[in-house]
């Protein structure tokens, strides 16, 4: 299922993740860490793959359409776990 959010919202999610979260997501999905970084707006395709997001210019950094929300959902779950610890 796809999801549409702003690019800045996607970056805020990534920036809110605790240390090691991108590695945790990559390990769980059996993808490279760079693929997870690319999902959050990185552009290194030499060591990672396109993770199914499309960015359109616009307000708040532009509009991002996530073709697959698996990485997004895992990131939200990790943040919820961190908040429940506090």
Protein backbone atom coordinates (compact mmCIF):
# COMPACT_ATOMS: atom_id res chain seq x y z
CA UNK A 1 0.00 0.00 0.00
CA UNK A 2 1.38 3.42 -0.88
CA UNK A 3 1.61 6.46 1.38
CA UNK A 4 2.04 10.13 0.51
CA UNK A 5 3.91 12.44 2.91
CA UNK A 6 6.16 15.48 2.67
CA UNK A 7 9.89 15.01 2.20
CA UNK A 8 10.56 16.99 5.38
CA UNK A 9 8.22 14.70 7.34
CA UNK A 10 10.14 11.67 6.05
CA UNK A 11 13.46 13.27 7.07
CA UNK A 12 12.08 14.15 10.53
CA UNK A 13 11.14 10.49 10.99
CA UNK A 14 14.64 9.38 9.97
CA UNK A 15 16.29 11.99 12.20
CA UNK A 16 14.16 10.87 15.18
CA UNK A 17 15.31 7.26 14.95
CA UNK A 18 17.71 6.05 17.64
CA UNK A 19 21.27 5.03 16.79
CA UNK A 20 21.41 1.69 15.02
CA UNK A 21 17.81 1.79 13.79
CA UNK A 22 18.75 1.82 10.10
CA UNK A 23 20.96 -1.24 10.68
CA UNK A 24 18.13 -2.94 12.57
CA UNK A 25 15.68 -2.29 9.72
CA UNK A 26 18.22 -3.43 7.10
CA UNK A 27 18.95 -6.64 9.00
CA UNK A 28 15.24 -7.43 9.48
CA UNK A 29 14.52 -6.94 5.77
CA UNK A 30 17.76 -8.47 4.49
CA UNK A 31 18.71 -5.34 2.54
CA UNK A 32 21.76 -3.09 2.73
CA UNK A 33 21.89 -0.20 5.17
CA UNK A 34 22.34 2.10 2.16
CA UNK A 35 19.02 0.88 0.73
CA UNK A 36 17.33 1.97 3.98
CA UNK A 37 19.15 5.32 3.79
CA UNK A 38 18.01 5.72 0.18
CA UNK A 39 14.43 5.16 1.37
CA UNK A 40 14.82 8.17 3.64
CA UNK A 41 16.13 10.37 0.82
CA UNK A 42 19.68 9.15 0.25
CA UNK A 43 20.92 8.82 -3.30
CA UNK A 44 23.80 6.32 -3.17
CA UNK A 45 22.69 3.64 -5.60
CA UNK A 46 26.17 2.15 -5.98
CA UNK A 47 25.83 0.39 -2.60
CA UNK A 48 22.06 0.48 -2.15
CA UNK A 49 18.95 0.05 -4.24
CA UNK A 50 16.03 2.28 -5.00
CA UNK A 51 13.59 1.64 -2.19
CA UNK A 52 10.39 2.61 -3.99
CA UNK A 53 9.93 6.27 -3.28
CA UNK A 54 9.12 9.05 -5.70
CA UNK A 55 9.78 12.71 -4.88
CA UNK A 56 7.88 15.55 -6.53
CA UNK A 57 8.89 19.19 -6.02
CA UNK A 58 6.59 21.18 -3.77
CA UNK A 59 6.14 22.78 -0.37
CA UNK A 60 7.75 21.35 2.78
CA UNK A 61 10.56 19.74 0.78
CA UNK A 62 8.24 18.24 -1.80
CA UNK A 63 5.81 15.37 -1.89
CA UNK A 64 7.05 11.81 -1.39
CA UNK A 65 5.05 8.79 -2.53
CA UNK A 66 6.19 5.61 -0.80
CA UNK A 67 5.31 2.59 -2.95
CA UNK A 68 5.91 0.20 -0.06
CA UNK A 69 5.54 1.37 3.54
CA UNK A 70 7.41 -1.54 5.15
CA UNK A 71 10.50 0.51 6.07
CA UNK A 72 8.33 3.46 7.12
CA UNK A 73 6.16 1.21 9.31
CA UNK A 74 9.23 -0.37 10.94
CA UNK A 75 10.68 3.08 11.67
CA UNK A 76 7.42 4.20 13.30
CA UNK A 77 7.34 1.00 15.37
CA UNK A 78 10.93 1.58 16.54
CA UNK A 79 10.02 5.13 17.59
CA UNK A 80 6.97 3.86 19.47
CA UNK A 81 9.15 1.32 21.28
CA UNK A 82 11.61 4.06 22.24
CA UNK A 83 8.82 6.31 23.51
CA UNK A 84 7.34 3.48 25.59
CA UNK A 85 10.73 3.00 27.30
CA UNK A 86 10.63 6.57 28.62
